[in-house]
Amino acid sequence: MHVETSTSGSRTEEEGCVFAELRPHLFDIAYRVLGSTSDAEDVVREVLLHWRDTDRSAVASPAAYLSCTAARLAVDAAESARMRRESYIGPWLPDPVDTATGPGEDLQRAGAVDLALLVVLDELDPTERAACVLREGFAYGDAEIAEILRLSPAGVRTIVDRTLDHLASGPAGQ
């Protein structure tokens, strides 16, 4: 029988606090990639499960690890949703949510993705969307995005440049 000591109990509480502190940031990443509050919440719950099963002694930066996990899971969820999405009559609109309030307020960047941009972002594939959101919305560098998305930094620059050109040209059909 294993008896938990107060040291491991405080370690578990500390790790829970780290996740709770970063939760709004993780939600922001997932929401901006997926455009759905319920899907973003699902991703955040899955990140928590991954975090609980992770050997944290090997994690140098919990914030980087959790952000990377959230981005990868959101991209996977977006690709899965795109593959199973049925033919829908009318434009797809993301769930409206104000990600600039609450505890994650300090994590917001000027020019953050708004509702209109999310509609345009839906035209992009999940990797393009994630690369653009991570760089433009959260100011991640190309090397960090490359590691998260498992691409080369040059590939990330190309994807983001093309994505920004696409976004600058306006919605499809204009």
Protein backbone atom coordinates (compact mmCIF):
# COMPACT_ATOMS: atom_id res chain seq x y z
CA MET A 1 0.00 0.00 0.00
CA HIS A 2 1.34 3.42 -1.00
CA VAL A 3 0.94 6.26 1.45
CA GLU A 4 1.35 9.73 -0.02
CA THR A 5 3.64 11.97 1.97
CA SER A 6 3.01 15.66 2.51
CA THR A 7 5.89 16.45 0.13
CA SER A 8 4.30 14.61 -2.78
CA GLY A 9 0.93 16.11 -1.86
CA SER A 10 2.34 19.62 -2.04
CA ARG A 11 4.09 18.71 -5.32
CA THR A 12 0.76 17.57 -6.76
CA GLU A 13 -0.93 20.77 -5.56
CA GLU A 14 1.90 22.85 -7.06
CA GLU A 15 1.57 21.07 -10.42
CA GLY A 16 -2.20 21.62 -10.32
CA CYS A 17 -1.61 25.32 -9.64
CA VAL A 18 0.73 25.55 -12.65
CA PHE A 19 -1.96 24.06 -14.88
CA ALA A 20 -4.71 26.25 -13.38
CA GLU A 21 -2.59 29.36 -13.93
CA LEU A 22 -1.95 28.46 -17.58
CA ARG A 23 -5.46 27.18 -18.32
CA PRO A 24 -6.76 30.48 -19.82
CA HIS A 25 -3.72 30.63 -22.12
CA LEU A 26 -4.24 27.02 -23.20
CA PHE A 27 -7.92 27.71 -23.85
CA ASP A 28 -6.99 30.76 -25.94
CA ILE A 29 -4.65 28.69 -28.11
CA ALA A 30 -7.20 25.91 -28.61
CA TYR A 31 -10.09 28.31 -29.23
CA ARG A 32 -8.19 30.32 -31.80
CA VAL A 33 -7.25 27.19 -33.71
CA LEU A 34 -10.68 25.53 -33.43
CA GLY A 35 -13.13 28.45 -33.23
CA SER A 36 -15.39 26.51 -30.86
CA THR A 37 -15.59 26.93 -27.10
CA SER A 38 -16.71 23.35 -26.51
CA ASP A 39 -13.94 21.92 -28.70
CA ALA A 40 -11.40 24.20 -27.00
CA GLU A 41 -12.58 23.00 -23.57
CA ASP A 42 -12.21 19.40 -24.75
CA VAL A 43 -8.64 20.11 -25.82
CA VAL A 44 -7.84 21.75 -22.47
CA ARG A 45 -9.22 18.71 -20.63
CA GLU A 46 -7.08 16.46 -22.81
CA VAL A 47 -4.02 18.62 -22.07
CA LEU A 48 -4.73 18.14 -18.37
CA LEU A 49 -4.82 14.36 -18.84
CA HIS A 50 -1.50 14.50 -20.69
CA TRP A 51 -0.07 16.73 -17.92
CA ARG A 52 -1.14 14.28 -15.22
CA ASP A 53 0.56 11.40 -17.04
CA THR A 54 3.77 13.33 -17.76
CA ASP A 55 7.04 12.79 -15.94
CA ARG A 56 7.50 16.41 -14.92
CA SER A 57 11.12 15.93 -13.95
CA ALA A 58 11.82 15.87 -17.71
CA VAL A 59 9.86 19.09 -18.33
CA ALA A 60 12.12 22.14 -18.36
CA SER A 61 9.30 24.66 -18.88
CA PRO A 62 5.74 23.70 -17.93
CA ALA A 63 4.36 26.71 -19.85
CA ALA A 64 6.14 25.70 -23.06
CA TYR A 65 5.22 22.03 -22.64
CA LEU A 66 1.54 22.76 -21.99
CA SER A 67 1.31 25.34 -24.80
CA CYS A 68 2.93 22.92 -27.24
CA THR A 69 0.59 20.13 -26.17
CA ALA A 70 -2.47 22.40 -26.53
CA ALA A 71 -1.42 23.54 -30.01
CA ARG A 72 -0.74 20.01 -31.23
CA LEU A 73 -4.00 18.64 -29.83
CA ALA A 74 -5.94 21.58 -31.30
CA VAL A 75 -4.42 20.99 -34.74
CA ASP A 76 -5.27 17.29 -34.49
CA ALA A 77 -8.85 18.13 -33.45
CA ALA A 78 -9.20 20.67 -36.28
CA GLU A 79 -7.97 18.15 -38.85
CA SER A 80 -10.36 15.52 -37.49
CA ALA A 81 -13.30 17.96 -37.48
CA ARG A 82 -12.54 19.06 -41.03
CA MET A 83 -12.53 15.46 -42.22
CA ARG A 84 -15.88 14.61 -40.59
CA ARG A 85 -17.62 17.94 -41.19
CA GLU A 86 -20.78 17.41 -43.15
CA SER A 87 -21.87 19.64 -45.97
CA TYR A 88 -23.30 22.66 -44.21
CA ILE A 89 -25.55 25.20 -45.86
CA GLY A 90 -24.44 28.70 -45.00
CA PRO A 91 -21.24 30.13 -43.59
CA TRP A 92 -19.57 28.52 -40.61
CA LEU A 93 -19.22 30.95 -37.72
CA PRO A 94 -17.08 30.31 -34.65
CA ASP A 95 -18.55 30.54 -31.17
CA PRO A 96 -18.30 34.16 -30.05
CA VAL A 97 -16.13 34.41 -26.97
CA ASP A 98 -14.20 37.30 -25.49
CA THR A 99 -10.70 35.94 -24.90
CA ALA A 100 -9.39 39.35 -23.80
CA THR A 101 -10.90 39.27 -20.30
CA GLY A 102 -10.28 37.36 -17.13
CA PRO A 103 -7.06 35.85 -15.81
CA GLY A 104 -5.53 35.42 -19.28
CA GLU A 105 -5.78 39.14 -20.05
CA ASP A 106 -2.02 39.68 -19.73
CA LEU A 107 -1.47 36.97 -22.35
CA GLN A 108 -3.42 38.81 -25.03
CA ARG A 109 -1.58 40.57 -27.79
CA ALA A 110 -2.51 43.69 -29.75
CA GLY A 111 -4.38 42.77 -32.91
CA ALA A 112 -5.60 39.43 -31.52
CA VAL A 113 -7.77 37.26 -33.71
CA ASP A 114 -11.37 38.52 -33.76
CA LEU A 115 -14.60 36.97 -35.04
CA ALA A 116 -14.13 38.15 -38.63
CA LEU A 117 -10.61 36.79 -38.78
CA LEU A 118 -11.77 33.44 -37.38
CA VAL A 119 -14.22 33.16 -40.26
CA VAL A 120 -11.36 33.80 -42.72
CA LEU A 121 -9.08 31.41 -40.79
CA ASP A 122 -11.63 28.64 -41.34
CA GLU A 123 -10.58 28.68 -45.01
CA LEU A 124 -7.08 27.61 -43.96
CA ASP A 125 -5.96 24.11 -43.15
CA PRO A 126 -5.30 23.44 -39.43
CA THR A 127 -1.50 23.69 -39.74
CA GLU A 128 -1.71 27.06 -41.49
CA ARG A 129 -4.20 28.29 -38.91
CA ALA A 130 -2.10 27.13 -35.96
CA ALA A 131 1.10 28.65 -37.37
CA CYS A 132 -0.60 31.99 -37.98
CA VAL A 133 -2.34 32.05 -34.57
CA LEU A 134 0.84 31.11 -32.69
CA ARG A 135 2.92 33.78 -34.41
CA GLU A 136 0.42 36.63 -34.81
CA GLY A 137 -1.78 36.00 -31.77
CA PHE A 138 0.81 34.83 -29.25
CA ALA A 139 4.11 36.16 -30.66
CA TYR A 140 5.82 32.75 -30.82
CA GLY A 141 9.01 32.66 -32.90
CA ASP A 142 9.42 30.56 -36.02
CA ALA A 143 11.70 28.09 -34.23
CA GLU A 144 9.15 27.57 -31.43
CA ILE A 145 6.31 27.11 -33.91
CA ALA A 146 8.44 24.72 -35.95
CA GLU A 147 9.03 22.58 -32.87
CA ILE A 148 5.33 22.61 -31.91
CA LEU A 149 4.09 21.76 -35.41
CA ARG A 150 7.03 19.48 -36.25
CA LEU A 151 8.11 21.55 -39.24
CA SER A 152 11.29 23.37 -40.20
CA PRO A 153 11.62 27.07 -39.29
CA ALA A 154 11.84 27.87 -43.01
CA GLY A 155 8.64 25.91 -43.60
CA VAL A 156 6.93 27.87 -40.83
CA ARG A 157 8.03 31.19 -42.36
CA THR A 158 6.68 30.09 -45.74
CA ILE A 159 3.37 28.91 -44.28
CA VAL A 160 2.86 32.07 -42.22
CA ASP A 161 3.86 34.39 -45.10
CA ARG A 162 1.44 32.63 -47.47
CA THR A 163 -1.28 32.62 -44.82
CA LEU A 164 -0.87 36.34 -44.14
CA ASP A 165 -0.92 37.05 -47.90
CA HIS A 166 -4.12 34.98 -48.14
CA LEU A 167 -5.69 36.84 -45.22
CA ALA A 168 -4.67 40.22 -46.64
CA SER A 169 -6.39 39.40 -49.93
CA GLY A 170 -9.73 39.03 -48.11
CA PRO A 171 -12.30 36.26 -48.00
CA ALA A 172 -12.48 33.72 -50.83
CA GLY A 173 -14.22 34.98 -53.88
CA GLN A 174 -13.13 38.64 -53.53
